[in-house]
Amino acid sequence: MRNQRTPLSHTEQAALERLYEDYKPVAGSFSRAVAVTALTELDCEPSVAHSVLDRLLSKGYLYAVDGDLHITDSP
């Protein structure tokens, strides 16, 4: 469950918005590799993209099932 008191950093918010725009309307899930590619297009280094994804997962904005990522709800 998302902690409403844990705000997103600017980078996390931009990443979540990008993932939502690109994947939520057309796919129920996406791979971590696809998400990293999308975030590198926002000028994130791959290591930063992985870190951002980990933080979004830990804060409940994303969740993982069988290796695929899902967006909890709209940003």
PDB file of N, CA and C in Angstrom:
ATOM      1  N   MET A   1       0.842  -1.177   0.000  1.00  0.00           N
ATOM      2  CA  MET A   1       0.000   0.000   0.000  1.00  0.00           C
ATOM      3  C   MET A   1       0.886   1.239   0.000  1.00  0.00           C
ATOM      4  N   ARG A   2       0.477   2.214  -0.762  1.00  0.00           N
ATOM      5  CA  ARG A   2       1.227   3.444  -0.884  1.00  0.00           C
ATOM      6  C   ARG A   2       1.167   4.252   0.401  1.00  0.00           C
ATOM      7  N   ASN A   3       2.329   4.769   0.800  1.00  0.00           N
ATOM      8  CA  ASN A   3       2.407   5.639   1.958  1.00  0.00           C
ATOM      9  C   ASN A   3       2.147   7.067   1.479  1.00  0.00           C
ATOM     10  N   GLN A   4       1.012   7.626   1.805  1.00  0.00           N
ATOM     11  CA  GLN A   4       0.631   8.958   1.332  1.00  0.00           C
ATOM     12  C   GLN A   4       1.570  10.042   1.850  1.00  0.00           C
ATOM     13  N   ARG A   5       2.333   9.759   2.854  1.00  0.00           N
ATOM     14  CA  ARG A   5       3.238  10.758   3.418  1.00  0.00           C
ATOM     15  C   ARG A   5       4.628  10.701   2.798  1.00  0.00           C
ATOM     16  N   THR A   6       4.878   9.770   1.920  1.00  0.00           N
ATOM     17  CA  THR A   6       6.180   9.653   1.281  1.00  0.00           C
ATOM     18  C   THR A   6       6.112  10.324  -0.081  1.00  0.00           C
ATOM     19  N   PRO A   7       6.565  11.557  -0.161  1.00  0.00           N
ATOM     20  CA  PRO A   7       6.489  12.272  -1.443  1.00  0.00           C
ATOM     21  C   PRO A   7       7.504  11.727  -2.439  1.00  0.00           C
ATOM     22  N   LEU A   8       7.212  11.956  -3.694  1.00  0.00           N
ATOM     23  CA  LEU A   8       8.126  11.569  -4.763  1.00  0.00           C
ATOM     24  C   LEU A   8       9.086  12.712  -5.056  1.00  0.00           C
ATOM     25  N   SER A   9      10.316  12.342  -5.357  1.00  0.00           N
ATOM     26  CA  SER A   9      11.265  13.351  -5.826  1.00  0.00           C
ATOM     27  C   SER A   9      10.852  13.762  -7.243  1.00  0.00           C
ATOM     28  N   HIS A  10      11.439  14.825  -7.721  1.00  0.00           N
ATOM     29  CA  HIS A  10      11.141  15.279  -9.085  1.00  0.00           C
ATOM     30  C   HIS A  10      11.441  14.168 -10.091  1.00  0.00           C
ATOM     31  N   THR A  11      12.564  13.500  -9.921  1.00  0.00           N
ATOM     32  CA  THR A  11      12.959  12.425 -10.837  1.00  0.00           C
ATOM     33  C   THR A  11      11.978  11.261 -10.774  1.00  0.00           C
ATOM     34  N   GLU A  12      11.566  10.887  -9.569  1.00  0.00           N
ATOM     35  CA  GLU A  12      10.607   9.796  -9.415  1.00  0.00           C
ATOM     36  C   GLU A  12       9.265  10.162 -10.042  1.00  0.00           C
ATOM     37  N   GLN A  13       8.811  11.387  -9.839  1.00  0.00           N
ATOM     38  CA  GLN A  13       7.540  11.834 -10.411  1.00  0.00           C
ATOM     39  C   GLN A  13       7.610  11.832 -11.931  1.00  0.00           C
ATOM     40  N   ALA A  14       8.698  12.346 -12.502  1.00  0.00           N
ATOM     41  CA  ALA A  14       8.865  12.364 -13.958  1.00  0.00           C
ATOM     42  C   ALA A  14       8.901  10.943 -14.515  1.00  0.00           C
ATOM     43  N   ALA A  15       9.578  10.051 -13.816  1.00  0.00           N
ATOM     44  CA  ALA A  15       9.659   8.660 -14.259  1.00  0.00           C
ATOM     45  C   ALA A  15       8.285   8.008 -14.234  1.00  0.00           C
ATOM     46  N   LEU A  16       7.549   8.190 -13.149  1.00  0.00           N
ATOM     47  CA  LEU A  16       6.221   7.603 -13.029  1.00  0.00           C
ATOM     48  C   LEU A  16       5.291   8.144 -14.111  1.00  0.00           C
ATOM     49  N   GLU A  17       5.345   9.429 -14.357  1.00  0.00           N
ATOM     50  CA  GLU A  17       4.511  10.023 -15.407  1.00  0.00           C
ATOM     51  C   GLU A  17       4.863   9.455 -16.768  1.00  0.00           C
ATOM     52  N   ARG A  18       6.155   9.304 -17.035  1.00  0.00           N
ATOM     53  CA  ARG A  18       6.584   8.739 -18.323  1.00  0.00           C
ATOM     54  C   ARG A  18       6.092   7.311 -18.479  1.00  0.00           C
ATOM     55  N   LEU A  19       6.260   6.498 -17.459  1.00  0.00           N
ATOM     56  CA  LEU A  19       5.803   5.116 -17.531  1.00  0.00           C
ATOM     57  C   LEU A  19       4.289   5.045 -17.689  1.00  0.00           C
ATOM     58  N   TYR A  20       3.585   5.908 -16.977  1.00  0.00           N
ATOM     59  CA  TYR A  20       2.128   5.924 -17.076  1.00  0.00           C
ATOM     60  C   TYR A  20       1.695   6.303 -18.490  1.00  0.00           C
ATOM     61  N   GLU A  21       2.292   7.352 -19.039  1.00  0.00           N
ATOM     62  CA  GLU A  21       1.940   7.800 -20.393  1.00  0.00           C
ATOM     63  C   GLU A  21       2.226   6.729 -21.435  1.00  0.00           C
ATOM     64  N   ASP A  22       3.376   6.069 -21.303  1.00  0.00           N
ATOM     65  CA  ASP A  22       3.805   5.120 -22.325  1.00  0.00           C
ATOM     66  C   ASP A  22       3.138   3.757 -22.215  1.00  0.00           C
ATOM     67  N   TYR A  23       2.847   3.285 -21.005  1.00  0.00           N
ATOM     68  CA  TYR A  23       2.463   1.890 -20.850  1.00  0.00           C
ATOM     69  C   TYR A  23       1.112   1.627 -20.223  1.00  0.00           C
ATOM     70  N   LYS A  24       0.639   2.463 -19.348  1.00  0.00           N
ATOM     71  CA  LYS A  24      -0.624   2.188 -18.673  1.00  0.00           C
ATOM     72  C   LYS A  24      -1.802   2.086 -19.647  1.00  0.00           C
ATOM     73  N   PRO A  25      -1.927   2.995 -20.612  1.00  0.00           N
ATOM     74  CA  PRO A  25      -3.087   2.917 -21.500  1.00  0.00           C
ATOM     75  C   PRO A  25      -3.084   1.710 -22.441  1.00  0.00           C
ATOM     76  N   VAL A  26      -1.891   1.165 -22.747  1.00  0.00           N
ATOM     77  CA  VAL A  26      -1.820   0.114 -23.767  1.00  0.00           C
ATOM     78  C   VAL A  26      -1.429  -1.256 -23.236  1.00  0.00           C
ATOM     79  N   ALA A  27      -0.866  -1.312 -22.057  1.00  0.00           N
ATOM     80  CA  ALA A  27      -0.402  -2.598 -21.535  1.00  0.00           C
ATOM     81  C   ALA A  27      -0.659  -2.686 -20.037  1.00  0.00           C
ATOM     82  N   GLY A  28      -1.010  -3.865 -19.608  1.00  0.00           N
ATOM     83  CA  GLY A  28      -1.214  -4.060 -18.184  1.00  0.00           C
ATOM     84  C   GLY A  28       0.088  -4.163 -17.422  1.00  0.00           C
ATOM     85  N   SER A  29       1.151  -4.517 -18.135  1.00  0.00           N
ATOM     86  CA  SER A  29       2.444  -4.659 -17.487  1.00  0.00           C
ATOM     87  C   SER A  29       3.553  -4.428 -18.496  1.00  0.00           C
ATOM     88  N   PHE A  30       4.761  -4.308 -17.985  1.00  0.00           N
ATOM     89  CA  PHE A  30       5.927  -4.110 -18.835  1.00  0.00           C
ATOM     90  C   PHE A  30       7.140  -4.624 -18.090  1.00  0.00           C
ATOM     91  N   SER A  31       8.170  -4.954 -18.842  1.00  0.00           N
ATOM     92  CA  SER A  31       9.369  -5.504 -18.213  1.00  0.00           C
ATOM     93  C   SER A  31      10.216  -4.387 -17.621  1.00  0.00           C
ATOM     94  N   ARG A  32      11.080  -4.762 -16.729  1.00  0.00           N
ATOM     95  CA  ARG A  32      12.005  -3.805 -16.127  1.00  0.00           C
ATOM     96  C   ARG A  32      12.927  -3.226 -17.206  1.00  0.00           C
ATOM     97  N   ALA A  33      13.347  -4.055 -18.142  1.00  0.00           N
ATOM     98  CA  ALA A  33      14.226  -3.582 -19.221  1.00  0.00           C
ATOM     99  C   ALA A  33      13.547  -2.508 -20.061  1.00  0.00           C
ATOM    100  N   VAL A  34      12.268  -2.691 -20.346  1.00  0.00           N
ATOM    101  CA  VAL A  34      11.503  -1.689 -21.100  1.00  0.00           C
ATOM    102  C   VAL A  34      11.403  -0.400 -20.294  1.00  0.00           C
ATOM    103  N   ALA A  35      11.166  -0.528 -19.006  1.00  0.00           N
ATOM    104  CA  ALA A  35      11.068   0.657 -18.150  1.00  0.00           C
ATOM    105  C   ALA A  35      12.396   1.404 -18.099  1.00  0.00           C
ATOM    106  N   VAL A  36      13.488   0.681 -17.984  1.00  0.00           N
ATOM    107  CA  VAL A  36      14.812   1.324 -17.956  1.00  0.00           C
ATOM    108  C   VAL A  36      15.055   2.057 -19.268  1.00  0.00           C
ATOM    109  N   THR A  37      14.709   1.449 -20.382  1.00  0.00           N
ATOM    110  CA  THR A  37      14.876   2.106 -21.686  1.00  0.00           C
ATOM    111  C   THR A  37      14.069   3.394 -21.744  1.00  0.00           C
ATOM    112  N   ALA A  38      12.826   3.353 -21.274  1.00  0.00           N
ATOM    113  CA  ALA A  38      11.980   4.551 -21.273  1.00  0.00           C
ATOM    114  C   ALA A  38      12.592   5.646 -20.406  1.00  0.00           C
ATOM    115  N   LEU A  39      13.148   5.265 -19.267  1.00  0.00           N
ATOM    116  CA  LEU A  39      13.712   6.269 -18.364  1.00  0.00           C
ATOM    117  C   LEU A  39      15.045   6.821 -18.880  1.00  0.00           C
ATOM    118  N   THR A  40      15.798   6.020 -19.613  1.00  0.00           N
ATOM    119  CA  THR A  40      17.037   6.556 -20.191  1.00  0.00           C
ATOM    120  C   THR A  40      16.722   7.609 -21.246  1.00  0.00           C
ATOM    121  N   GLU A  41      15.541   7.530 -21.832  1.00  0.00           N
ATOM    122  CA  GLU A  41      15.110   8.573 -22.772  1.00  0.00           C
ATOM    123  C   GLU A  41      14.803   9.892 -22.063  1.00  0.00           C
ATOM    124  N   LEU A  42      14.665   9.840 -20.738  1.00  0.00           N
ATOM    125  CA  LEU A  42      14.497  11.054 -19.923  1.00  0.00           C
ATOM    126  C   LEU A  42      15.848  11.564 -19.432  1.00  0.00           C
ATOM    127  N   ASP A  43      16.918  11.049 -20.023  1.00  0.00           N
ATOM    128  CA  ASP A  43      18.294  11.404 -19.662  1.00  0.00           C
ATOM    129  C   ASP A  43      18.736  10.836 -18.326  1.00  0.00           C
ATOM    130  N   CYS A  44      18.147   9.716 -17.911  1.00  0.00           N
ATOM    131  CA  CYS A  44      18.623   8.983 -16.740  1.00  0.00           C
ATOM    132  C   CYS A  44      19.670   7.977 -17.205  1.00  0.00           C
ATOM    133  N   GLU A  45      20.724   7.869 -16.463  1.00  0.00           N
ATOM    134  CA  GLU A  45      21.674   6.792 -16.698  1.00  0.00           C
ATOM    135  C   GLU A  45      20.984   5.486 -16.308  1.00  0.00           C
ATOM    136  N   PRO A  46      21.351   4.358 -16.921  1.00  0.00           N
ATOM    137  CA  PRO A  46      20.701   3.090 -16.556  1.00  0.00           C
ATOM    138  C   PRO A  46      20.757   2.786 -15.057  1.00  0.00           C
ATOM    139  N   SER A  47      21.871   3.076 -14.414  1.00  0.00           N
ATOM    140  CA  SER A  47      21.953   2.802 -12.969  1.00  0.00           C
ATOM    141  C   SER A  47      20.971   3.672 -12.185  1.00  0.00           C
ATOM    142  N   VAL A  48      20.791   4.914 -12.620  1.00  0.00           N
ATOM    143  CA  VAL A  48      19.823   5.811 -11.979  1.00  0.00           C
ATOM    144  C   VAL A  48      18.402   5.310 -12.243  1.00  0.00           C
ATOM    145  N   ALA A  49      18.143   4.860 -13.464  1.00  0.00           N
ATOM    146  CA  ALA A  49      16.817   4.343 -13.814  1.00  0.00           C
ATOM    147  C   ALA A  49      16.467   3.145 -12.934  1.00  0.00           C
ATOM    148  N   HIS A  50      17.408   2.226 -12.729  1.00  0.00           N
ATOM    149  CA  HIS A  50      17.161   1.079 -11.862  1.00  0.00           C
ATOM    150  C   HIS A  50      16.871   1.539 -10.431  1.00  0.00           C
ATOM    151  N   SER A  51      17.604   2.517  -9.964  1.00  0.00           N
ATOM    152  CA  SER A  51      17.400   3.041  -8.615  1.00  0.00           C
ATOM    153  C   SER A  51      16.021   3.681  -8.478  1.00  0.00           C
ATOM    154  N   VAL A  52      15.626   4.454  -9.475  1.00  0.00           N
ATOM    155  CA  VAL A  52      14.308   5.096  -9.457  1.00  0.00           C
ATOM    156  C   VAL A  52      13.216   4.033  -9.438  1.00  0.00           C
ATOM    157  N   LEU A  53      13.361   2.999 -10.254  1.00  0.00           N
ATOM    158  CA  LEU A  53      12.370   1.923 -10.267  1.00  0.00           C
ATOM    159  C   LEU A  53      12.292   1.239  -8.908  1.00  0.00           C
ATOM    160  N   ASP A  54      13.437   1.005  -8.291  1.00  0.00           N
ATOM    161  CA  ASP A  54      13.449   0.391  -6.959  1.00  0.00           C
ATOM    162  C   ASP A  54      12.716   1.261  -5.943  1.00  0.00           C
ATOM    163  N   ARG A  55      12.925   2.576  -6.018  1.00  0.00           N
ATOM    164  CA  ARG A  55      12.246   3.480  -5.081  1.00  0.00           C
ATOM    165  C   ARG A  55      10.741   3.521  -5.340  1.00  0.00           C
ATOM    166  N   LEU A  56      10.334   3.519  -6.624  1.00  0.00           N
ATOM    167  CA  LEU A  56       8.907   3.509  -6.941  1.00  0.00           C
ATOM    168  C   LEU A  56       8.258   2.206  -6.476  1.00  0.00           C
ATOM    169  N   LEU A  57       8.983   1.110  -6.570  1.00  0.00           N
ATOM    170  CA  LEU A  57       8.478  -0.169  -6.059  1.00  0.00           C
ATOM    171  C   LEU A  57       8.347  -0.124  -4.537  1.00  0.00           C
ATOM    172  N   SER A  58       9.369   0.380  -3.870  1.00  0.00           N
ATOM    173  CA  SER A  58       9.342   0.391  -2.399  1.00  0.00           C
ATOM    174  C   SER A  58       8.295   1.356  -1.846  1.00  0.00           C
ATOM    175  N   LYS A  59       7.974   2.399  -2.600  1.00  0.00           N
ATOM    176  CA  LYS A  59       6.962   3.363  -2.155  1.00  0.00           C
ATOM    177  C   LYS A  59       5.556   2.964  -2.573  1.00  0.00           C
ATOM    178  N   GLY A  60       5.437   1.887  -3.363  1.00  0.00           N
ATOM    179  CA  GLY A  60       4.114   1.391  -3.733  1.00  0.00           C
ATOM    180  C   GLY A  60       3.512   1.982  -4.978  1.00  0.00           C
ATOM    181  N   TYR A  61       4.257   2.754  -5.726  1.00  0.00           N
ATOM    182  CA  TYR A  61       3.732   3.330  -6.962  1.00  0.00           C
ATOM    183  C   TYR A  61       3.782   2.323  -8.104  1.00  0.00           C
ATOM    184  N   LEU A  62       4.698   1.358  -8.011  1.00  0.00           N
ATOM    185  CA  LEU A  62       4.776   0.230  -8.927  1.00  0.00           C
ATOM    186  C   LEU A  62       4.715  -1.039  -8.098  1.00  0.00           C
ATOM    187  N   TYR A  63       4.319  -2.124  -8.729  1.00  0.00           N
ATOM    188  CA  TYR A  63       4.434  -3.430  -8.091  1.00  0.00           C
ATOM    189  C   TYR A  63       4.876  -4.433  -9.144  1.00  0.00           C
ATOM    190  N   ALA A  64       5.466  -5.515  -8.699  1.00  0.00           N
ATOM    191  CA  ALA A  64       6.007  -6.527  -9.606  1.00  0.00           C
ATOM    192  C   ALA A  64       5.274  -7.841  -9.416  1.00  0.00           C
ATOM    193  N   VAL A  65       4.970  -8.485 -10.541  1.00  0.00           N
ATOM    194  CA  VAL A  65       4.358  -9.808 -10.547  1.00  0.00           C
ATOM    195  C   VAL A  65       5.067 -10.631 -11.609  1.00  0.00           C
ATOM    196  N   ASP A  66       5.646 -11.743 -11.192  1.00  0.00           N
ATOM    197  CA  ASP A  66       6.347 -12.642 -12.119  1.00  0.00           C
ATOM    198  C   ASP A  66       7.353 -11.900 -12.994  1.00  0.00           C
ATOM    199  N   GLY A  67       8.056 -10.948 -12.414  1.00  0.00           N
ATOM    200  CA  GLY A  67       9.091 -10.228 -13.128  1.00  0.00           C
ATOM    201  C   GLY A  67       8.613  -9.045 -13.962  1.00  0.00           C
ATOM    202  N   ASP A  68       7.305  -8.869 -14.082  1.00  0.00           N
ATOM    203  CA  ASP A  68       6.764  -7.725 -14.819  1.00  0.00           C
ATOM    204  C   ASP A  68       6.357  -6.632 -13.841  1.00  0.00           C
ATOM    205  N   LEU A  69       6.483  -5.399 -14.287  1.00  0.00           N
ATOM    206  CA  LEU A  69       6.096  -4.246 -13.478  1.00  0.00           C
ATOM    207  C   LEU A  69       4.700  -3.788 -13.859  1.00  0.00           C
ATOM    208  N   HIS A  70       3.993  -3.304 -12.869  1.00  0.00           N
ATOM    209  CA  HIS A  70       2.637  -2.763 -13.052  1.00  0.00           C
ATOM    210  C   HIS A  70       2.573  -1.425 -12.324  1.00  0.00           C
ATOM    211  N   ILE A  71       1.821  -0.499 -12.875  1.00  0.00           N
ATOM    212  CA  ILE A  71       1.616   0.803 -12.226  1.00  0.00           C
ATOM    213  C   ILE A  71       0.413   0.672 -11.307  1.00  0.00           C
ATOM    214  N   THR A  72       0.582   1.104 -10.062  1.00  0.00           N
ATOM    215  CA  THR A  72      -0.482   0.987  -9.068  1.00  0.00           C
ATOM    216  C   THR A  72      -1.710   1.794  -9.489  1.00  0.00           C
ATOM    217  N   ASP A  73      -1.517   3.052  -9.805  1.00  0.00           N
ATOM    218  CA  ASP A  73      -2.596   3.886 -10.327  1.00  0.00           C
ATOM    219  C   ASP A  73      -1.967   5.111 -10.972  1.00  0.00           C
ATOM    220  N   SER A  74      -2.777   6.045 -11.420  1.00  0.00           N
ATOM    221  CA  SER A  74      -2.252   7.207 -12.128  1.00  0.00           C
ATOM    222  C   SER A  74      -1.410   8.075 -11.199  1.00  0.00           C
ATOM    223  N   PRO A  75      -0.411   8.747 -11.784  1.00  0.00           N
ATOM    224  CA  PRO A  75       0.481   9.602 -10.965  1.00  0.00           C
ATOM    225  C   PRO A  75      -0.215  10.833 -10.443  1.00  0.00           C
TER     226      PRO A  75
END
